[in-house]
Each structure stands twice: as C-alpha cells, then as structure tokens.
Amino acid sequence: MIEKPCLNNNSIIPAIKESEKFIKFLINRFKLEVPNNYIITINKASKNTIGFFMPKEHDNHFINSTQDLMNINLNTIHLKKCCPYECLTHELAHLINNVNKIKDCSGYGYHNKHFKTQAEKFNLSVEKGKNGFNQTKPTEEFNKMLLEFKPNKEVFNICQNHEEKKKGSRLRLYICNCGVKVRVGSDDFNAKCLNCESEFKKVIK
C-alpha cells in the first residue's frame, strides 16, 4: 500500500502568491506603469504598523543580482485583524507615488495629501489620523473590485502571536504596622515608618 504524502498547510507562500496576484490585478485594472523592481514580503514588523512600503533608496532595501528592489510588506502580527487587500492597496499607493517621484510621506510616517489623492484613486476611503491621512478603509467600490478579483482570503490564515507577557517587579515589597508599603531593590532594607514608628518588614510571597 502506497502512503499518500502528508501535506503541510503551515506555509506563508500561498499568502505571498495571493498578494503578488492582487498587486498585478491592481496594476492591470488601473493601467499603472510600474517597473518590475518590487518585491512583496510577509513578516513581522513594528507592532504599530499593519504593513509598510520600503523604497529602493532605503538602507535596508532588497536587492537581486541585477537591481535594487522596492518592498511592499504585510505585517504577520496583524494578519488576522486587518484586511490584507486594503493594506496592499494602501502600500501600492506609496509605491506609485515613489515611482512618480511624489513625496507623500515624511520621515516620521506623516501621510500628506499626495498620498490621500493616490489612495482614493484606488477606491479607498482616506481619513486623517495621528500620522496625517494614514487611515484608509475599503469603500463599496473597493469591495466590488475585490469581488471582481475573486479573493482567496483563506491563505491569510497564519498570523504571528505578539502578546507581551507582563514581567513581575524585581523590587522587594516592605510593609509597616500601619500598612504603608514601599518597594526597594535591596534585601537589606532597614527603615522605620514615620507614622507608626514600626520597622518595615519584607513581604514574602
């Protein structure tokens, strides 16, 4: 009896292929002139960003054997919470502006009106947030366009856990007879409370 090979579905590759397919769909649909020097990545980034665009001028840009590459990224720690298609479209707006030498974002991530203009051309709703016009959402037209694309959302079923465990305090807790509590970094804390004049005793947990 021949055993069937075990299929491993724990791969990020289908998500990358789906992302590449969607970017090409947008390029064709909006008749965009985009050089073939970009790469799409899906990996962990800052917890404060859903995705990002990295120009080829960035110090950490990607390269291949012949050229420098621009980078559109999806952050793995937000894949379950975000709409990856909206995020990809958001970052494509940055890429198009970069190709056309339009500065749409400051070094601190502030999105200006040039970004807003391009993102709205891609059927995204753009609102102002803490970093300028950085808040994008799908519109009804965008959702219709997405149905036209025939998305395979199941490929984005892998995300990265980023819950930070709370670390216990390294300070020792001392308490006096009247209930005043102090925390110190020493095991040899000798002091009296000015209220009840009792010594502070170390609390053993």
C-alpha atoms as a PDB file:
ATOM      1  CA  MET A   1       0.000   0.000   0.000  1.00  0.00           C
ATOM      2  CA  ILE A   2       1.409   3.375  -1.073  1.00  0.00           C
ATOM      3  CA  GLU A   3       1.040   6.068   1.562  1.00  0.00           C
ATOM      4  CA  LYS A   4      -0.115   9.462   0.431  1.00  0.00           C
ATOM      5  CA  PRO A   5       2.339  12.277   1.197  1.00  0.00           C
ATOM      6  CA  CYS A   6       1.439  14.409   4.166  1.00  0.00           C
ATOM      7  CA  LEU A   7       0.542  17.928   3.063  1.00  0.00           C
ATOM      8  CA  ASN A   8       1.793  20.770   5.241  1.00  0.00           C
ATOM      9  CA  ASN A   9      -0.578  23.724   5.100  1.00  0.00           C
ATOM     10  CA  ASN A  10       1.520  25.738   7.527  1.00  0.00           C
ATOM     11  CA  SER A  11       3.116  27.870   4.842  1.00  0.00           C
ATOM     12  CA  ILE A  12       3.175  31.595   4.190  1.00  0.00           C
ATOM     13  CA  ILE A  13       3.893  31.010   0.485  1.00  0.00           C
ATOM     14  CA  PRO A  14       0.194  30.912  -0.604  1.00  0.00           C
ATOM     15  CA  ALA A  15      -0.334  34.298   1.089  1.00  0.00           C
ATOM     16  CA  ILE A  16       2.637  35.790  -0.742  1.00  0.00           C
ATOM     17  CA  LYS A  17       1.396  34.415  -4.077  1.00  0.00           C
ATOM     18  CA  GLU A  18      -2.086  35.797  -3.415  1.00  0.00           C
ATOM     19  CA  SER A  19      -0.574  39.192  -2.562  1.00  0.00           C
ATOM     20  CA  GLU A  20       1.508  39.226  -5.752  1.00  0.00           C
ATOM     21  CA  LYS A  21      -1.554  38.247  -7.774  1.00  0.00           C
ATOM     22  CA  PHE A  22      -3.629  41.060  -6.248  1.00  0.00           C
ATOM     23  CA  ILE A  23      -0.953  43.708  -6.855  1.00  0.00           C
ATOM     24  CA  LYS A  24      -0.741  42.635 -10.514  1.00  0.00           C
ATOM     25  CA  PHE A  25      -4.539  42.795 -10.689  1.00  0.00           C
ATOM     26  CA  LEU A  26      -4.489  46.415  -9.458  1.00  0.00           C
ATOM     27  CA  ILE A  27      -1.692  47.346 -11.846  1.00  0.00           C
ATOM     28  CA  ASN A  28      -3.666  45.983 -14.798  1.00  0.00           C
ATOM     29  CA  ARG A  29      -7.033  47.324 -13.673  1.00  0.00           C
ATOM     30  CA  PHE A  30      -5.801  50.881 -13.192  1.00  0.00           C
ATOM     31  CA  LYS A  31      -3.382  50.682 -16.155  1.00  0.00           C
ATOM     32  CA  LEU A  32      -0.418  51.626 -13.981  1.00  0.00           C
ATOM     33  CA  GLU A  33       3.124  51.935 -15.266  1.00  0.00           C
ATOM     34  CA  VAL A  34       5.142  50.084 -12.657  1.00  0.00           C
ATOM     35  CA  PRO A  35       8.707  48.857 -13.185  1.00  0.00           C
ATOM     36  CA  ASN A  36       9.319  45.225 -12.354  1.00  0.00           C
ATOM     37  CA  ASN A  37      11.655  46.003  -9.455  1.00  0.00           C
ATOM     38  CA  TYR A  38       9.464  45.372  -6.444  1.00  0.00           C
ATOM     39  CA  ILE A  39       9.049  42.501  -4.022  1.00  0.00           C
ATOM     40  CA  ILE A  40       6.203  41.588  -1.656  1.00  0.00           C
ATOM     41  CA  THR A  41       7.111  40.247   1.777  1.00  0.00           C
ATOM     42  CA  ILE A  42       5.112  38.980   4.737  1.00  0.00           C
ATOM     43  CA  ASN A  43       6.983  39.056   8.017  1.00  0.00           C
ATOM     44  CA  LYS A  44       6.985  40.574  11.484  1.00  0.00           C
ATOM     45  CA  ALA A  45       7.366  44.341  11.655  1.00  0.00           C
ATOM     46  CA  SER A  46       6.640  47.022  14.230  1.00  0.00           C
ATOM     47  CA  LYS A  47       3.525  46.354  16.326  1.00  0.00           C
ATOM     48  CA  ASN A  48       2.311  49.847  15.383  1.00  0.00           C
ATOM     49  CA  THR A  49       2.131  49.172  11.644  1.00  0.00           C
ATOM     50  CA  ILE A  50      -0.128  46.862   9.632  1.00  0.00           C
ATOM     51  CA  GLY A  51       2.217  46.977   6.661  1.00  0.00           C
ATOM     52  CA  PHE A  52       4.731  49.269   5.039  1.00  0.00           C
ATOM     53  CA  PHE A  53       6.339  50.386   1.794  1.00  0.00           C
ATOM     54  CA  MET A  54      10.135  50.485   1.584  1.00  0.00           C
ATOM     55  CA  PRO A  55      11.693  52.408  -1.339  1.00  0.00           C
ATOM     56  CA  LYS A  56      14.796  51.073  -3.050  1.00  0.00           C
ATOM     57  CA  GLU A  57      16.716  54.021  -1.611  1.00  0.00           C
ATOM     58  CA  HIS A  58      16.243  52.727   1.941  1.00  0.00           C
ATOM     59  CA  ASP A  59      19.364  51.441   3.699  1.00  0.00           C
ATOM     60  CA  ASN A  60      17.741  48.014   4.252  1.00  0.00           C
ATOM     61  CA  HIS A  61      16.190  47.625   0.791  1.00  0.00           C
ATOM     62  CA  PHE A  62      16.123  44.295  -1.043  1.00  0.00           C
ATOM     63  CA  ILE A  63      18.402  43.552  -3.993  1.00  0.00           C
ATOM     64  CA  ASN A  64      18.682  40.797  -6.561  1.00  0.00           C
ATOM     65  CA  SER A  65      21.511  40.010  -8.962  1.00  0.00           C
ATOM     66  CA  THR A  66      20.743  42.973 -11.230  1.00  0.00           C
ATOM     67  CA  GLN A  67      18.833  45.719  -9.409  1.00  0.00           C
ATOM     68  CA  ASP A  68      17.603  47.359  -6.236  1.00  0.00           C
ATOM     69  CA  LEU A  69      14.060  46.472  -5.223  1.00  0.00           C
ATOM     70  CA  MET A  70      11.138  48.331  -3.683  1.00  0.00           C
ATOM     71  CA  ASN A  71       9.261  46.422  -0.990  1.00  0.00           C
ATOM     72  CA  ILE A  72       5.579  46.114  -0.084  1.00  0.00           C
ATOM     73  CA  ASN A  73       5.159  44.375   3.263  1.00  0.00           C
ATOM     74  CA  LEU A  74       2.332  42.810   5.253  1.00  0.00           C
ATOM     75  CA  ASN A  75       2.969  42.545   8.992  1.00  0.00           C
ATOM     76  CA  THR A  76       2.378  38.994  10.248  1.00  0.00           C
ATOM     77  CA  ILE A  77       1.259  40.124  13.703  1.00  0.00           C
ATOM     78  CA  HIS A  78      -1.791  41.904  12.249  1.00  0.00           C
ATOM     79  CA  LEU A  79      -2.913  39.487   9.518  1.00  0.00           C
ATOM     80  CA  LYS A  80      -5.985  38.326  11.474  1.00  0.00           C
ATOM     81  CA  LYS A  81      -7.113  41.830  12.386  1.00  0.00           C
ATOM     82  CA  CYS A  82      -6.599  43.673   9.103  1.00  0.00           C
ATOM     83  CA  CYS A  83      -7.892  43.369   5.547  1.00  0.00           C
ATOM     84  CA  PRO A  84      -4.691  42.363   3.717  1.00  0.00           C
ATOM     85  CA  TYR A  85      -6.124  43.514   0.378  1.00  0.00           C
ATOM     86  CA  GLU A  86      -6.791  47.004   1.739  1.00  0.00           C
ATOM     87  CA  CYS A  87      -3.291  47.114   3.226  1.00  0.00           C
ATOM     88  CA  LEU A  88      -1.680  46.012  -0.055  1.00  0.00           C
ATOM     89  CA  THR A  89      -3.601  48.725  -1.891  1.00  0.00           C
ATOM     90  CA  HIS A  90      -2.526  51.323   0.691  1.00  0.00           C
ATOM     91  CA  GLU A  91       1.128  50.389   0.191  1.00  0.00           C
ATOM     92  CA  LEU A  92       0.760  50.304  -3.599  1.00  0.00           C
ATOM     93  CA  ALA A  93      -0.327  53.950  -3.413  1.00  0.00           C
ATOM     94  CA  HIS A  94       3.010  54.714  -1.734  1.00  0.00           C
ATOM     95  CA  LEU A  95       4.857  52.740  -4.404  1.00  0.00           C
ATOM     96  CA  ILE A  96       3.163  54.601  -7.268  1.00  0.00           C
ATOM     97  CA  ASN A  97       3.973  57.963  -5.719  1.00  0.00           C
ATOM     98  CA  ASN A  98       7.562  56.867  -5.214  1.00  0.00           C
ATOM     99  CA  VAL A  99       7.879  55.765  -8.844  1.00  0.00           C
ATOM    100  CA  ASN A 100       6.488  59.141  -9.942  1.00  0.00           C
ATOM    101  CA  LYS A 101       8.874  60.943  -7.555  1.00  0.00           C
ATOM    102  CA  ILE A 102       5.997  62.328  -5.470  1.00  0.00           C
ATOM    103  CA  LYS A 103       6.810  62.733  -1.766  1.00  0.00           C
ATOM    104  CA  ASP A 104       3.689  61.532   0.037  1.00  0.00           C
ATOM    105  CA  CYS A 105       5.125  60.751   3.472  1.00  0.00           C
ATOM    106  CA  SER A 106       7.605  62.383   5.832  1.00  0.00           C
ATOM    107  CA  GLY A 107      10.390  60.559   7.615  1.00  0.00           C
ATOM    108  CA  TYR A 108       8.147  60.227  10.654  1.00  0.00           C
ATOM    109  CA  GLY A 109       5.356  58.459   8.763  1.00  0.00           C
ATOM    110  CA  TYR A 110       3.134  61.525   8.256  1.00  0.00           C
ATOM    111  CA  HIS A 111       0.891  60.905   5.227  1.00  0.00           C
ATOM    112  CA  ASN A 112       0.180  64.083   3.254  1.00  0.00           C
ATOM    113  CA  LYS A 113      -2.472  64.967   0.654  1.00  0.00           C
ATOM    114  CA  HIS A 114      -0.456  63.392  -2.161  1.00  0.00           C
ATOM    115  CA  PHE A 115      -0.968  60.024  -0.515  1.00  0.00           C
ATOM    116  CA  LYS A 116      -4.666  60.751   0.033  1.00  0.00           C
ATOM    117  CA  THR A 117      -5.124  61.583  -3.644  1.00  0.00           C
ATOM    118  CA  GLN A 118      -3.483  58.393  -4.888  1.00  0.00           C
ATOM    119  CA  ALA A 119      -5.171  56.096  -2.335  1.00  0.00           C
ATOM    120  CA  GLU A 120      -8.600  57.468  -3.274  1.00  0.00           C
ATOM    121  CA  LYS A 121      -7.875  56.658  -6.927  1.00  0.00           C
ATOM    122  CA  PHE A 122      -7.680  53.039  -5.789  1.00  0.00           C
ATOM    123  CA  ASN A 123     -11.189  53.226  -4.261  1.00  0.00           C
ATOM    124  CA  LEU A 124     -10.028  53.578  -0.668  1.00  0.00           C
ATOM    125  CA  SER A 125     -11.624  55.894   1.853  1.00  0.00           C
ATOM    126  CA  VAL A 126      -8.973  58.130   3.471  1.00  0.00           C
ATOM    127  CA  GLU A 127      -9.327  59.850   6.836  1.00  0.00           C
ATOM    128  CA  LYS A 128      -6.936  61.889   8.919  1.00  0.00           C
ATOM    129  CA  GLY A 129      -5.295  60.252  11.939  1.00  0.00           C
ATOM    130  CA  LYS A 130      -2.277  60.841  14.150  1.00  0.00           C
ATOM    131  CA  ASN A 131       0.062  60.487  11.173  1.00  0.00           C
ATOM    132  CA  GLY A 132      -1.791  62.633   8.656  1.00  0.00           C
ATOM    133  CA  PHE A 133      -4.040  60.984   6.061  1.00  0.00           C
ATOM    134  CA  ASN A 134      -2.935  57.482   7.060  1.00  0.00           C
ATOM    135  CA  GLN A 135      -6.316  55.963   7.926  1.00  0.00           C
ATOM    136  CA  THR A 136      -7.589  54.017   4.910  1.00  0.00           C
ATOM    137  CA  LYS A 137     -10.681  51.836   4.677  1.00  0.00           C
ATOM    138  CA  PRO A 138     -12.373  49.855   1.895  1.00  0.00           C
ATOM    139  CA  THR A 139     -15.268  51.614   0.183  1.00  0.00           C
ATOM    140  CA  GLU A 140     -18.243  49.985  -1.508  1.00  0.00           C
ATOM    141  CA  GLU A 141     -16.429  50.399  -4.828  1.00  0.00           C
ATOM    142  CA  PHE A 142     -13.346  48.737  -3.377  1.00  0.00           C
ATOM    143  CA  ASN A 143     -15.383  45.752  -2.179  1.00  0.00           C
ATOM    144  CA  LYS A 144     -16.943  45.394  -5.635  1.00  0.00           C
ATOM    145  CA  MET A 145     -13.457  45.490  -7.146  1.00  0.00           C
ATOM    146  CA  LEU A 146     -12.341  42.825  -4.675  1.00  0.00           C
ATOM    147  CA  LEU A 147     -15.175  40.531  -5.763  1.00  0.00           C
ATOM    148  CA  GLU A 148     -14.053  41.077  -9.322  1.00  0.00           C
ATOM    149  CA  PHE A 149     -10.601  39.858  -8.268  1.00  0.00           C
ATOM    150  CA  LYS A 150     -12.105  36.737  -6.606  1.00  0.00           C
ATOM    151  CA  PRO A 151     -10.041  36.787  -3.418  1.00  0.00           C
ATOM    152  CA  ASN A 152      -8.820  33.689  -1.642  1.00  0.00           C
ATOM    153  CA  LYS A 153      -8.870  35.008   1.933  1.00  0.00           C
ATOM    154  CA  GLU A 154      -8.150  31.594   3.470  1.00  0.00           C
ATOM    155  CA  VAL A 155      -4.468  31.858   2.506  1.00  0.00           C
ATOM    156  CA  PHE A 156      -4.041  34.540   5.177  1.00  0.00           C
ATOM    157  CA  ASN A 157      -4.897  32.073   7.959  1.00  0.00           C
ATOM    158  CA  ILE A 158      -1.441  32.239   9.571  1.00  0.00           C
ATOM    159  CA  CYS A 159      -0.544  35.090  11.855  1.00  0.00           C
ATOM    160  CA  GLN A 160       2.155  35.688  14.463  1.00  0.00           C
ATOM    161  CA  ASN A 161       1.490  35.900  18.178  1.00  0.00           C
ATOM    162  CA  HIS A 162       2.779  39.129  19.701  1.00  0.00           C
ATOM    163  CA  GLU A 163       1.220  39.207  23.150  1.00  0.00           C
ATOM    164  CA  GLU A 164       3.740  40.582  25.586  1.00  0.00           C
ATOM    165  CA  LYS A 165       3.892  38.836  28.950  1.00  0.00           C
ATOM    166  CA  LYS A 166       3.837  41.171  31.899  1.00  0.00           C
ATOM    167  CA  LYS A 167       7.052  40.948  33.818  1.00  0.00           C
ATOM    168  CA  GLY A 168       6.866  40.875  37.589  1.00  0.00           C
ATOM    169  CA  SER A 169       8.546  43.635  39.528  1.00  0.00           C
ATOM    170  CA  ARG A 170      12.086  42.913  40.675  1.00  0.00           C
ATOM    171  CA  LEU A 171      11.651  45.288  43.604  1.00  0.00           C
ATOM    172  CA  ARG A 172      11.108  43.844  47.090  1.00  0.00           C
ATOM    173  CA  LEU A 173       7.910  44.790  48.894  1.00  0.00           C
ATOM    174  CA  TYR A 174       8.113  46.015  52.501  1.00  0.00           C
ATOM    175  CA  ILE A 175       5.215  46.993  54.793  1.00  0.00           C
ATOM    176  CA  CYS A 176       4.935  48.594  58.233  1.00  0.00           C
ATOM    177  CA  ASN A 177       2.352  48.080  61.024  1.00  0.00           C
ATOM    178  CA  CYS A 178       0.086  50.874  59.774  1.00  0.00           C
ATOM    179  CA  GLY A 179       0.015  49.494  56.236  1.00  0.00           C
ATOM    180  CA  VAL A 180       2.395  51.826  54.396  1.00  0.00           C
ATOM    181  CA  LYS A 181       4.008  49.913  51.514  1.00  0.00           C
ATOM    182  CA  VAL A 182       7.365  50.604  49.880  1.00  0.00           C
ATOM    183  CA  ARG A 183       9.286  48.782  47.148  1.00  0.00           C
ATOM    184  CA  VAL A 184      13.072  48.763  47.133  1.00  0.00           C
ATOM    185  CA  GLY A 185      15.773  46.909  45.259  1.00  0.00           C
ATOM    186  CA  SER A 186      17.553  45.617  48.354  1.00  0.00           C
ATOM    187  CA  ASP A 187      17.123  42.565  50.572  1.00  0.00           C
ATOM    188  CA  ASP A 188      18.650  44.510  53.456  1.00  0.00           C
ATOM    189  CA  PHE A 189      16.214  47.401  53.859  1.00  0.00           C
ATOM    190  CA  ASN A 190      16.334  48.794  57.387  1.00  0.00           C
ATOM    191  CA  ALA A 191      13.952  51.678  57.993  1.00  0.00           C
ATOM    192  CA  LYS A 192      11.126  52.794  60.250  1.00  0.00           C
ATOM    193  CA  CYS A 193       7.795  54.321  59.319  1.00  0.00           C
ATOM    194  CA  LEU A 194       7.482  57.938  60.460  1.00  0.00           C
ATOM    195  CA  ASN A 195       3.760  57.441  61.116  1.00  0.00           C
ATOM    196  CA  CYS A 196       3.714  54.385  63.407  1.00  0.00           C
ATOM    197  CA  GLU A 197       7.438  54.157  64.164  1.00  0.00           C
ATOM    198  CA  SER A 198       7.458  50.417  63.371  1.00  0.00           C
ATOM    199  CA  GLU A 199      10.103  48.797  61.169  1.00  0.00           C
ATOM    200  CA  PHE A 200       9.274  47.896  57.609  1.00  0.00           C
ATOM    201  CA  LYS A 201       9.025  44.136  57.194  1.00  0.00           C
ATOM    202  CA  LYS A 202       9.701  42.303  53.925  1.00  0.00           C
ATOM    203  CA  VAL A 203       6.611  40.659  52.413  1.00  0.00           C
ATOM    204  CA  ILE A 204       7.372  37.060  51.464  1.00  0.00           C
ATOM    205  CA  LYS A 205       5.174  35.715  48.665  1.00  0.00           C
END
